[in-house]
Amino acid sequence: MGYGPWIIIARDRRTVVGSAGFQGTPVDQAVELGFGVHADYRKQGYASEAARALVFWGLRQPDVERIIAKCDLANAASVRVLEKAGMSRVGEAEGMLLWELRRPQPDK
């Protein structure tokens, strides 16, 4: 429950401006984050707010140890969203930047 797509609603609470969610349920304790916002509503913080909320929720699920994402090398807006969500670049593959955020480990 909760891993699929969620709609992103404009601040006016009447307009659907995009969607965000995880690409399925956890596999090997990882879920993949995805998001998209309609062009008319980009650069207004909707994707960043949704990504941060999903990362917060996802890392609190008992079967999730890490959140992963990927975006096109040239997609500066998605890079900013993933950075704002606390994710770190961990590599490149097939023209895509790979991202990850691991659940913090408790101090020993």
PDB file of N, CA and C in Angstrom:
ATOM      1  N   MET A   1       0.838  -1.184   0.000  1.00  0.00           N
ATOM      2  CA  MET A   1       0.000   0.000   0.000  1.00  0.00           C
ATOM      3  C   MET A   1       0.884   1.250   0.000  1.00  0.00           C
ATOM      4  N   GLY A   2       0.569   2.234  -0.827  1.00  0.00           N
ATOM      5  CA  GLY A   2       1.294   3.485  -0.844  1.00  0.00           C
ATOM      6  C   GLY A   2       2.444   3.573  -1.817  1.00  0.00           C
ATOM      7  N   TYR A   3       2.849   2.453  -2.424  1.00  0.00           N
ATOM      8  CA  TYR A   3       4.014   2.488  -3.293  1.00  0.00           C
ATOM      9  C   TYR A   3       3.689   2.953  -4.711  1.00  0.00           C
ATOM     10  N   GLY A   4       2.473   2.837  -5.128  1.00  0.00           N
ATOM     11  CA  GLY A   4       2.094   3.193  -6.493  1.00  0.00           C
ATOM     12  C   GLY A   4       2.046   4.687  -6.700  1.00  0.00           C
ATOM     13  N   PRO A   5       1.486   5.102  -7.806  1.00  0.00           N
ATOM     14  CA  PRO A   5       1.457   6.538  -8.104  1.00  0.00           C
ATOM     15  C   PRO A   5       0.494   7.304  -7.203  1.00  0.00           C
ATOM     16  N   TRP A   6       0.907   8.494  -6.853  1.00  0.00           N
ATOM     17  CA  TRP A   6       0.099   9.450  -6.110  1.00  0.00           C
ATOM     18  C   TRP A   6      -0.079  10.660  -7.028  1.00  0.00           C
ATOM     19  N   ILE A   7      -1.226  11.287  -6.963  1.00  0.00           N
ATOM     20  CA  ILE A   7      -1.408  12.495  -7.771  1.00  0.00           C
ATOM     21  C   ILE A   7      -0.853  13.697  -7.010  1.00  0.00           C
ATOM     22  N   ILE A   8      -0.382  14.653  -7.774  1.00  0.00           N
ATOM     23  CA  ILE A   8       0.092  15.917  -7.204  1.00  0.00           C
ATOM     24  C   ILE A   8      -0.976  16.949  -7.531  1.00  0.00           C
ATOM     25  N   ILE A   9      -1.496  17.571  -6.499  1.00  0.00           N
ATOM     26  CA  ILE A   9      -2.586  18.535  -6.661  1.00  0.00           C
ATOM     27  C   ILE A   9      -2.045  19.937  -6.427  1.00  0.00           C
ATOM     28  N   ALA A  10      -2.479  20.876  -7.266  1.00  0.00           N
ATOM     29  CA  ALA A  10      -2.050  22.269  -7.146  1.00  0.00           C
ATOM     30  C   ALA A  10      -2.484  22.843  -5.806  1.00  0.00           C
ATOM     31  N   ARG A  11      -1.850  23.895  -5.431  1.00  0.00           N
ATOM     32  CA  ARG A  11      -2.171  24.543  -4.158  1.00  0.00           C
ATOM     33  C   ARG A  11      -3.609  25.040  -4.108  1.00  0.00           C
ATOM     34  N   ASP A  12      -4.233  25.229  -5.263  1.00  0.00           N
ATOM     35  CA  ASP A  12      -5.652  25.638  -5.283  1.00  0.00           C
ATOM     36  C   ASP A  12      -6.592  24.493  -4.901  1.00  0.00           C
ATOM     37  N   ARG A  13      -6.008  23.278  -4.754  1.00  0.00           N
ATOM     38  CA  ARG A  13      -6.717  22.055  -4.364  1.00  0.00           C
ATOM     39  C   ARG A  13      -7.800  21.625  -5.365  1.00  0.00           C
ATOM     40  N   ARG A  14      -7.701  22.128  -6.610  1.00  0.00           N
ATOM     41  CA  ARG A  14      -8.681  21.754  -7.632  1.00  0.00           C
ATOM     42  C   ARG A  14      -8.040  21.151  -8.870  1.00  0.00           C
ATOM     43  N   THR A  15      -6.737  21.322  -9.039  1.00  0.00           N
ATOM     44  CA  THR A  15      -6.082  20.957 -10.279  1.00  0.00           C
ATOM     45  C   THR A  15      -5.031  19.877 -10.050  1.00  0.00           C
ATOM     46  N   VAL A  16      -5.109  18.795 -10.819  1.00  0.00           N
ATOM     47  CA  VAL A  16      -4.063  17.781 -10.794  1.00  0.00           C
ATOM     48  C   VAL A  16      -2.933  18.280 -11.690  1.00  0.00           C
ATOM     49  N   VAL A  17      -1.721  18.383 -11.120  1.00  0.00           N
ATOM     50  CA  VAL A  17      -0.596  18.940 -11.868  1.00  0.00           C
ATOM     51  C   VAL A  17       0.461  17.903 -12.214  1.00  0.00           C
ATOM     52  N   GLY A  18       0.339  16.691 -11.646  1.00  0.00           N
ATOM     53  CA  GLY A  18       1.321  15.658 -11.949  1.00  0.00           C
ATOM     54  C   GLY A  18       1.104  14.431 -11.092  1.00  0.00           C
ATOM     55  N   SER A  19       2.123  13.581 -11.088  1.00  0.00           N
ATOM     56  CA  SER A  19       2.069  12.380 -10.259  1.00  0.00           C
ATOM     57  C   SER A  19       3.481  12.046  -9.785  1.00  0.00           C
ATOM     58  N   ALA A  20       3.531  11.288  -8.707  1.00  0.00           N
ATOM     59  CA  ALA A  20       4.805  10.834  -8.154  1.00  0.00           C
ATOM     60  C   ALA A  20       4.539   9.543  -7.403  1.00  0.00           C
ATOM     61  N   GLY A  21       5.561   8.743  -7.262  1.00  0.00           N
ATOM     62  CA  GLY A  21       5.396   7.497  -6.529  1.00  0.00           C
ATOM     63  C   GLY A  21       6.588   6.602  -6.741  1.00  0.00           C
ATOM     64  N   PHE A  22       6.407   5.364  -6.339  1.00  0.00           N
ATOM     65  CA  PHE A  22       7.455   4.366  -6.491  1.00  0.00           C
ATOM     66  C   PHE A  22       7.063   3.405  -7.600  1.00  0.00           C
ATOM     67  N   GLN A  23       8.057   2.922  -8.313  1.00  0.00           N
ATOM     68  CA  GLN A  23       7.845   2.020  -9.442  1.00  0.00           C
ATOM     69  C   GLN A  23       7.662   0.595  -8.933  1.00  0.00           C
ATOM     70  N   GLY A  24       6.603   0.365  -8.208  1.00  0.00           N
ATOM     71  CA  GLY A  24       6.322  -0.952  -7.660  1.00  0.00           C
ATOM     72  C   GLY A  24       6.727  -1.064  -6.210  1.00  0.00           C
ATOM     73  N   THR A  25       6.571  -2.259  -5.681  1.00  0.00           N
ATOM     74  CA  THR A  25       6.908  -2.530  -4.291  1.00  0.00           C
ATOM     75  C   THR A  25       8.406  -2.821  -4.160  1.00  0.00           C
ATOM     76  N   PRO A  26       8.919  -2.843  -2.943  1.00  0.00           N
ATOM     77  CA  PRO A  26      10.358  -3.046  -2.750  1.00  0.00           C
ATOM     78  C   PRO A  26      10.881  -4.361  -3.344  1.00  0.00           C
ATOM     79  N   VAL A  27      12.047  -4.261  -3.961  1.00  0.00           N
ATOM     80  CA  VAL A  27      12.796  -5.413  -4.465  1.00  0.00           C
ATOM     81  C   VAL A  27      14.192  -5.297  -3.860  1.00  0.00           C
ATOM     82  N   ASP A  28      14.633  -6.322  -3.166  1.00  0.00           N
ATOM     83  CA  ASP A  28      15.930  -6.286  -2.479  1.00  0.00           C
ATOM     84  C   ASP A  28      16.033  -5.065  -1.566  1.00  0.00           C
ATOM     85  N   GLN A  29      14.934  -4.745  -0.912  1.00  0.00           N
ATOM     86  CA  GLN A  29      14.820  -3.644   0.043  1.00  0.00           C
ATOM     87  C   GLN A  29      15.032  -2.269  -0.590  1.00  0.00           C
ATOM     88  N   ALA A  30      14.760  -2.156  -1.904  1.00  0.00           N
ATOM     89  CA  ALA A  30      14.884  -0.881  -2.608  1.00  0.00           C
ATOM     90  C   ALA A  30      13.607  -0.590  -3.380  1.00  0.00           C
ATOM     91  N   VAL A  31      13.257   0.685  -3.449  1.00  0.00           N
ATOM     92  CA  VAL A  31      12.154   1.143  -4.285  1.00  0.00           C
ATOM     93  C   VAL A  31      12.665   2.266  -5.166  1.00  0.00           C
ATOM     94  N   GLU A  32      12.105   2.347  -6.372  1.00  0.00           N
ATOM     95  CA  GLU A  32      12.536   3.379  -7.320  1.00  0.00           C
ATOM     96  C   GLU A  32      11.531   4.520  -7.347  1.00  0.00           C
ATOM     97  N   LEU A  33      12.018   5.719  -7.117  1.00  0.00           N
ATOM     98  CA  LEU A  33      11.214   6.934  -7.100  1.00  0.00           C
ATOM     99  C   LEU A  33      11.039   7.466  -8.518  1.00  0.00           C
ATOM    100  N   GLY A  34       9.842   7.912  -8.818  1.00  0.00           N
ATOM    101  CA  GLY A  34       9.566   8.559 -10.099  1.00  0.00           C
ATOM    102  C   GLY A  34       8.590   9.699  -9.896  1.00  0.00           C
ATOM    103  N   PHE A  35       8.622  10.681 -10.791  1.00  0.00           N
ATOM    104  CA  PHE A  35       7.721  11.834 -10.680  1.00  0.00           C
ATOM    105  C   PHE A  35       7.609  12.524 -12.026  1.00  0.00           C
ATOM    106  N   GLY A  36       6.532  13.238 -12.200  1.00  0.00           N
ATOM    107  CA  GLY A  36       6.336  14.038 -13.404  1.00  0.00           C
ATOM    108  C   GLY A  36       5.324  15.130 -13.124  1.00  0.00           C
ATOM    109  N   VAL A  37       5.593  16.303 -13.647  1.00  0.00           N
ATOM    110  CA  VAL A  37       4.710  17.448 -13.446  1.00  0.00           C
ATOM    111  C   VAL A  37       4.397  18.053 -14.815  1.00  0.00           C
ATOM    112  N   HIS A  38       3.135  18.393 -15.026  1.00  0.00           N
ATOM    113  CA  HIS A  38       2.712  19.022 -16.283  1.00  0.00           C
ATOM    114  C   HIS A  38       3.532  20.291 -16.518  1.00  0.00           C
ATOM    115  N   ALA A  39       3.891  20.537 -17.754  1.00  0.00           N
ATOM    116  CA  ALA A  39       4.767  21.662 -18.112  1.00  0.00           C
ATOM    117  C   ALA A  39       4.283  23.004 -17.557  1.00  0.00           C
ATOM    118  N   ASP A  40       2.986  23.225 -17.505  1.00  0.00           N
ATOM    119  CA  ASP A  40       2.460  24.504 -17.011  1.00  0.00           C
ATOM    120  C   ASP A  40       2.713  24.720 -15.518  1.00  0.00           C
ATOM    121  N   TYR A  41       3.083  23.666 -14.794  1.00  0.00           N
ATOM    122  CA  TYR A  41       3.251  23.758 -13.342  1.00  0.00           C
ATOM    123  C   TYR A  41       4.676  23.465 -12.881  1.00  0.00           C
ATOM    124  N   ARG A  42       5.590  23.351 -13.815  1.00  0.00           N
ATOM    125  CA  ARG A  42       6.976  23.091 -13.444  1.00  0.00           C
ATOM    126  C   ARG A  42       7.612  24.340 -12.840  1.00  0.00           C
ATOM    127  N   LYS A  43       8.705  24.132 -12.122  1.00  0.00           N
ATOM    128  CA  LYS A  43       9.473  25.209 -11.472  1.00  0.00           C
ATOM    129  C   LYS A  43       8.647  25.949 -10.424  1.00  0.00           C
ATOM    130  N   GLN A  44       7.692  25.227  -9.811  1.00  0.00           N
ATOM    131  CA  GLN A  44       6.886  25.812  -8.738  1.00  0.00           C
ATOM    132  C   GLN A  44       7.018  25.008  -7.444  1.00  0.00           C
ATOM    133  N   GLY A  45       7.920  24.021  -7.432  1.00  0.00           N
ATOM    134  CA  GLY A  45       8.184  23.269  -6.226  1.00  0.00           C
ATOM    135  C   GLY A  45       7.351  22.012  -6.032  1.00  0.00           C
ATOM    136  N   TYR A  46       6.451  21.713  -6.957  1.00  0.00           N
ATOM    137  CA  TYR A  46       5.588  20.539  -6.792  1.00  0.00           C
ATOM    138  C   TYR A  46       6.371  19.231  -6.792  1.00  0.00           C
ATOM    139  N   ALA A  47       7.277  19.057  -7.733  1.00  0.00           N
ATOM    140  CA  ALA A  47       8.049  17.809  -7.805  1.00  0.00           C
ATOM    141  C   ALA A  47       8.955  17.661  -6.585  1.00  0.00           C
ATOM    142  N   SER A  48       9.583  18.752  -6.170  1.00  0.00           N
ATOM    143  CA  SER A  48      10.463  18.688  -4.999  1.00  0.00           C
ATOM    144  C   SER A  48       9.686  18.330  -3.744  1.00  0.00           C
ATOM    145  N   GLU A  49       8.538  18.937  -3.561  1.00  0.00           N
ATOM    146  CA  GLU A  49       7.723  18.638  -2.382  1.00  0.00           C
ATOM    147  C   GLU A  49       7.268  17.182  -2.389  1.00  0.00           C
ATOM    148  N   ALA A  50       6.835  16.706  -3.541  1.00  0.00           N
ATOM    149  CA  ALA A  50       6.378  15.319  -3.645  1.00  0.00           C
ATOM    150  C   ALA A  50       7.531  14.347  -3.412  1.00  0.00           C
ATOM    151  N   ALA A  51       8.692  14.614  -4.000  1.00  0.00           N
ATOM    152  CA  ALA A  51       9.843  13.716  -3.844  1.00  0.00           C
ATOM    153  C   ALA A  51      10.288  13.661  -2.387  1.00  0.00           C
ATOM    154  N   ARG A  52      10.364  14.809  -1.729  1.00  0.00           N
ATOM    155  CA  ARG A  52      10.765  14.822  -0.317  1.00  0.00           C
ATOM    156  C   ARG A  52       9.771  14.039   0.538  1.00  0.00           C
ATOM    157  N   ALA A  53       8.489  14.215   0.294  1.00  0.00           N
ATOM    158  CA  ALA A  53       7.470  13.502   1.075  1.00  0.00           C
ATOM    159  C   ALA A  53       7.567  11.997   0.853  1.00  0.00           C
ATOM    160  N   LEU A  54       7.779  11.580  -0.380  1.00  0.00           N
ATOM    161  CA  LEU A  54       7.882  10.151  -0.669  1.00  0.00           C
ATOM    162  C   LEU A  54       9.148   9.540  -0.075  1.00  0.00           C
ATOM    163  N   VAL A  55      10.254  10.251  -0.121  1.00  0.00           N
ATOM    164  CA  VAL A  55      11.491   9.766   0.491  1.00  0.00           C
ATOM    165  C   VAL A  55      11.285   9.612   1.995  1.00  0.00           C
ATOM    166  N   PHE A  56      10.680  10.609   2.617  1.00  0.00           N
ATOM    167  CA  PHE A  56      10.409  10.554   4.054  1.00  0.00           C
ATOM    168  C   PHE A  56       9.559   9.336   4.385  1.00  0.00           C
ATOM    169  N   TRP A  57       8.477   9.143   3.643  1.00  0.00           N
ATOM    170  CA  TRP A  57       7.581   8.008   3.876  1.00  0.00           C
ATOM    171  C   TRP A  57       8.287   6.681   3.577  1.00  0.00           C
ATOM    172  N   GLY A  58       8.950   6.616   2.432  1.00  0.00           N
ATOM    173  CA  GLY A  58       9.552   5.367   1.987  1.00  0.00           C
ATOM    174  C   GLY A  58      10.589   4.822   2.949  1.00  0.00           C
ATOM    175  N   LEU A  59      11.441   5.689   3.464  1.00  0.00           N
ATOM    176  CA  LEU A  59      12.505   5.221   4.354  1.00  0.00           C
ATOM    177  C   LEU A  59      11.987   4.816   5.726  1.00  0.00           C
ATOM    178  N   ARG A  60      10.729   5.062   5.986  1.00  0.00           N
ATOM    179  CA  ARG A  60      10.128   4.636   7.251  1.00  0.00           C
ATOM    180  C   ARG A  60       9.366   3.319   7.121  1.00  0.00           C
ATOM    181  N   GLN A  61       9.394   2.739   5.930  1.00  0.00           N
ATOM    182  CA  GLN A  61       8.744   1.453   5.735  1.00  0.00           C
ATOM    183  C   GLN A  61       9.727   0.352   6.119  1.00  0.00           C
ATOM    184  N   PRO A  62       9.265  -0.659   6.837  1.00  0.00           N
ATOM    185  CA  PRO A  62      10.185  -1.681   7.342  1.00  0.00           C
ATOM    186  C   PRO A  62      10.905  -2.483   6.259  1.00  0.00           C
ATOM    187  N   ASP A  63      10.315  -2.570   5.065  1.00  0.00           N
ATOM    188  CA  ASP A  63      10.933  -3.362   4.001  1.00  0.00           C
ATOM    189  C   ASP A  63      11.729  -2.518   3.000  1.00  0.00           C
ATOM    190  N   VAL A  64      12.034  -1.264   3.368  1.00  0.00           N
ATOM    191  CA  VAL A  64      12.805  -0.368   2.492  1.00  0.00           C
ATOM    192  C   VAL A  64      14.071   0.078   3.204  1.00  0.00           C
ATOM    193  N   GLU A  65      15.210  -0.242   2.613  1.00  0.00           N
ATOM    194  CA  GLU A  65      16.509   0.208   3.122  1.00  0.00           C
ATOM    195  C   GLU A  65      17.079   1.341   2.273  1.00  0.00           C
ATOM    196  N   ARG A  66      16.636   1.398   1.007  1.00  0.00           N
ATOM    197  CA  ARG A  66      17.168   2.455   0.139  1.00  0.00           C
ATOM    198  C   ARG A  66      16.153   2.816  -0.928  1.00  0.00           C
ATOM    199  N   ILE A  67      16.264   4.057  -1.358  1.00  0.00           N
ATOM    200  CA  ILE A  67      15.441   4.571  -2.445  1.00  0.00           C
ATOM    201  C   ILE A  67      16.384   4.882  -3.589  1.00  0.00           C
ATOM    202  N   ILE A  68      16.012   4.452  -4.778  1.00  0.00           N
ATOM    203  CA  ILE A  68      16.835   4.688  -5.958  1.00  0.00           C
ATOM    204  C   ILE A  68      16.033   5.518  -6.956  1.00  0.00           C
ATOM    205  N   ALA A  69      16.732   6.134  -7.886  1.00  0.00           N
ATOM    206  CA  ALA A  69      16.091   6.905  -8.945  1.00  0.00           C
ATOM    207  C   ALA A  69      17.062   7.000 -10.107  1.00  0.00           C
ATOM    208  N   LYS A  70      16.534   7.363 -11.242  1.00  0.00           N
ATOM    209  CA  LYS A  70      17.387   7.654 -12.393  1.00  0.00           C
ATOM    210  C   LYS A  70      16.758   8.795 -13.173  1.00  0.00           C
ATOM    211  N   CYS A  71      17.626   9.552 -13.836  1.00  0.00           N
ATOM    212  CA  CYS A  71      17.134  10.641 -14.690  1.00  0.00           C
ATOM    213  C   CYS A  71      18.115  10.854 -15.830  1.00  0.00           C
ATOM    214  N   ASP A  72      17.635  11.455 -16.869  1.00  0.00           N
ATOM    215  CA  ASP A  72      18.445  11.756 -18.039  1.00  0.00           C
ATOM    216  C   ASP A  72      19.588  12.692 -17.658  1.00  0.00           C
ATOM    217  N   LEU A  73      20.750  12.470 -18.244  1.00  0.00           N
ATOM    218  CA  LEU A  73      21.929  13.296 -17.967  1.00  0.00           C
ATOM    219  C   LEU A  73      21.663  14.788 -18.135  1.00  0.00           C
ATOM    220  N   ALA A  74      20.846  15.147 -19.117  1.00  0.00           N
ATOM    221  CA  ALA A  74      20.613  16.551 -19.440  1.00  0.00           C
ATOM    222  C   ALA A  74      19.417  17.149 -18.713  1.00  0.00           C
ATOM    223  N   ASN A  75      18.760  16.403 -17.846  1.00  0.00           N
ATOM    224  CA  ASN A  75      17.557  16.893 -17.191  1.00  0.00           C
ATOM    225  C   ASN A  75      17.919  17.603 -15.879  1.00  0.00           C
ATOM    226  N   ALA A  76      18.328  18.864 -16.010  1.00  0.00           N
ATOM    227  CA  ALA A  76      18.785  19.637 -14.851  1.00  0.00           C
ATOM    228  C   ALA A  76      17.686  19.799 -13.804  1.00  0.00           C
ATOM    229  N   ALA A  77      16.441  19.907 -14.232  1.00  0.00           N
ATOM    230  CA  ALA A  77      15.344  20.068 -13.272  1.00  0.00           C
ATOM    231  C   ALA A  77      15.195  18.826 -12.402  1.00  0.00           C
ATOM    232  N   SER A  78      15.252  17.651 -12.988  1.00  0.00           N
ATOM    233  CA  SER A  78      15.153  16.416 -12.201  1.00  0.00           C
ATOM    234  C   SER A  78      16.358  16.243 -11.291  1.00  0.00           C
ATOM    235  N   VAL A  79      17.525  16.643 -11.762  1.00  0.00           N
ATOM    236  CA  VAL A  79      18.717  16.592 -10.916  1.00  0.00           C
ATOM    237  C   VAL A  79      18.487  17.425  -9.662  1.00  0.00           C
ATOM    238  N   ARG A  80      17.966  18.638  -9.821  1.00  0.00           N
ATOM    239  CA  ARG A  80      17.709  19.504  -8.670  1.00  0.00           C
ATOM    240  C   ARG A  80      16.686  18.884  -7.724  1.00  0.00           C
ATOM    241  N   VAL A  81      15.628  18.295  -8.285  1.00  0.00           N
ATOM    242  CA  VAL A  81      14.598  17.657  -7.445  1.00  0.00           C
ATOM    243  C   VAL A  81      15.216  16.537  -6.618  1.00  0.00           C
ATOM    244  N   LEU A  82      16.014  15.688  -7.243  1.00  0.00           N
ATOM    245  CA  LEU A  82      16.609  14.558  -6.529  1.00  0.00           C
ATOM    246  C   LEU A  82      17.617  15.028  -5.478  1.00  0.00           C
ATOM    247  N   GLU A  83      18.363  16.074  -5.788  1.00  0.00           N
ATOM    248  CA  GLU A  83      19.284  16.629  -4.789  1.00  0.00           C
ATOM    249  C   GLU A  83      18.508  17.188  -3.597  1.00  0.00           C
ATOM    250  N   LYS A  84      17.433  17.913  -3.869  1.00  0.00           N
ATOM    251  CA  LYS A  84      16.616  18.479  -2.789  1.00  0.00           C
ATOM    252  C   LYS A  84      15.978  17.393  -1.927  1.00  0.00           C
ATOM    253  N   ALA A  85      15.745  16.238  -2.514  1.00  0.00           N
ATOM    254  CA  ALA A  85      15.169  15.118  -1.766  1.00  0.00           C
ATOM    255  C   ALA A  85      16.220  14.387  -0.939  1.00  0.00           C
ATOM    256  N   GLY A  86      17.473  14.818  -1.030  1.00  0.00           N
ATOM    257  CA  GLY A  86      18.538  14.223  -0.239  1.00  0.00           C
ATOM    258  C   GLY A  86      19.255  13.074  -0.904  1.00  0.00           C
ATOM    259  N   MET A  87      18.966  12.839  -2.175  1.00  0.00           N
ATOM    260  CA  MET A  87      19.580  11.711  -2.872  1.00  0.00           C
ATOM    261  C   MET A  87      20.970  12.093  -3.387  1.00  0.00           C
ATOM    262  N   SER A  88      21.810  11.093  -3.574  1.00  0.00           N
ATOM    263  CA  SER A  88      23.175  11.291  -4.073  1.00  0.00           C
ATOM    264  C   SER A  88      23.370  10.527  -5.370  1.00  0.00           C
ATOM    265  N   ARG A  89      24.143  11.120  -6.274  1.00  0.00           N
ATOM    266  CA  ARG A  89      24.495  10.409  -7.505  1.00  0.00           C
ATOM    267  C   ARG A  89      25.423   9.253  -7.162  1.00  0.00           C
ATOM    268  N   VAL A  90      25.112   8.108  -7.740  1.00  0.00           N
ATOM    269  CA  VAL A  90      25.951   6.936  -7.470  1.00  0.00           C
ATOM    270  C   VAL A  90      26.521   6.332  -8.748  1.00  0.00           C
ATOM    271  N   GLY A  91      26.225   6.929  -9.899  1.00  0.00           N
ATOM    272  CA  GLY A  91      26.786   6.407 -11.136  1.00  0.00           C
ATOM    273  C   GLY A  91      26.003   6.846 -12.350  1.00  0.00           C
ATOM    274  N   GLU A  92      26.377   6.252 -13.491  1.00  0.00           N
ATOM    275  CA  GLU A  92      25.725   6.490 -14.774  1.00  0.00           C
ATOM    276  C   GLU A  92      25.571   5.156 -15.479  1.00  0.00           C
ATOM    277  N   ALA A  93      24.489   5.029 -16.232  1.00  0.00           N
ATOM    278  CA  ALA A  93      24.282   3.832 -17.049  1.00  0.00           C
ATOM    279  C   ALA A  93      23.343   4.178 -18.189  1.00  0.00           C
ATOM    280  N   GLU A  94      23.756   3.853 -19.392  1.00  0.00           N
ATOM    281  CA  GLU A  94      22.926   4.020 -20.582  1.00  0.00           C
ATOM    282  C   GLU A  94      22.355   5.429 -20.700  1.00  0.00           C
ATOM    283  N   GLY A  95      23.183   6.442 -20.478  1.00  0.00           N
ATOM    284  CA  GLY A  95      22.759   7.828 -20.629  1.00  0.00           C
ATOM    285  C   GLY A  95      21.919   8.363 -19.490  1.00  0.00           C
ATOM    286  N   MET A  96      21.865   7.633 -18.399  1.00  0.00           N
ATOM    287  CA  MET A  96      21.063   8.051 -17.248  1.00  0.00           C
ATOM    288  C   MET A  96      21.970   8.223 -16.033  1.00  0.00           C
ATOM    289  N   LEU A  97      21.632   9.216 -15.191  1.00  0.00           N
ATOM    290  CA  LEU A  97      22.281   9.358 -13.898  1.00  0.00           C
ATOM    291  C   LEU A  97      21.551   8.459 -12.914  1.00  0.00           C
ATOM    292  N   LEU A  98      22.306   7.759 -12.094  1.00  0.00           N
ATOM    293  CA  LEU A  98      21.733   6.873 -11.089  1.00  0.00           C
ATOM    294  C   LEU A  98      21.859   7.534  -9.724  1.00  0.00           C
ATOM    295  N   TRP A  99      20.798   7.421  -8.926  1.00  0.00           N
ATOM    296  CA  TRP A  99      20.719   8.089  -7.627  1.00  0.00           C
ATOM    297  C   TRP A  99      20.346   7.084  -6.550  1.00  0.00           C
ATOM    298  N   GLU A 100      20.709   7.422  -5.309  1.00  0.00           N
ATOM    299  CA  GLU A 100      20.370   6.539  -4.198  1.00  0.00           C
ATOM    300  C   GLU A 100      20.335   7.338  -2.897  1.00  0.00           C
ATOM    301  N   LEU A 101      19.489   6.885  -2.008  1.00  0.00           N
ATOM    302  CA  LEU A 101      19.458   7.383  -0.640  1.00  0.00           C
ATOM    303  C   LEU A 101      19.197   6.194   0.254  1.00  0.00           C
ATOM    304  N   ARG A 102      20.092   5.972   1.204  1.00  0.00           N
ATOM    305  CA  ARG A 102      19.972   4.831   2.118  1.00  0.00           C
ATOM    306  C   ARG A 102      19.384   5.292   3.444  1.00  0.00           C
ATOM    307  N   ARG A 103      18.653   4.396   4.068  1.00  0.00           N
ATOM    308  CA  ARG A 103      18.136   4.670   5.406  1.00  0.00           C
ATOM    309  C   ARG A 103      19.320   4.847   6.341  1.00  0.00           C
ATOM    310  N   PRO A 104      19.302   5.898   7.146  1.00  0.00           N
ATOM    311  CA  PRO A 104      20.403   6.081   8.107  1.00  0.00           C
ATOM    312  C   PRO A 104      20.474   4.907   9.071  1.00  0.00           C
ATOM    313  N   GLN A 105      21.681   4.486   9.370  1.00  0.00           N
ATOM    314  CA  GLN A 105      21.886   3.392  10.318  1.00  0.00           C
ATOM    315  C   GLN A 105      21.976   3.967  11.723  1.00  0.00           C
ATOM    316  N   PRO A 106      21.373   3.304  12.680  1.00  0.00           N
ATOM    317  CA  PRO A 106      21.441   3.812  14.060  1.00  0.00           C
ATOM    318  C   PRO A 106      22.870   3.789  14.576  1.00  0.00           C
ATOM    319  N   ASP A 107      23.182   4.754  15.418  1.00  0.00           N
ATOM    320  CA  ASP A 107      24.514   4.774  16.045  1.00  0.00           C
ATOM    321  C   ASP A 107      24.657   3.568  16.954  1.00  0.00           C
ATOM    322  N   LYS A 108      25.865   3.038  16.979  1.00  0.00           N
ATOM    323  CA  LYS A 108      26.121   1.865  17.828  1.00  0.00           C
ATOM    324  C   LYS A 108      26.612   2.257  19.189  1.00  0.00           C
TER     325      LYS A 108
END
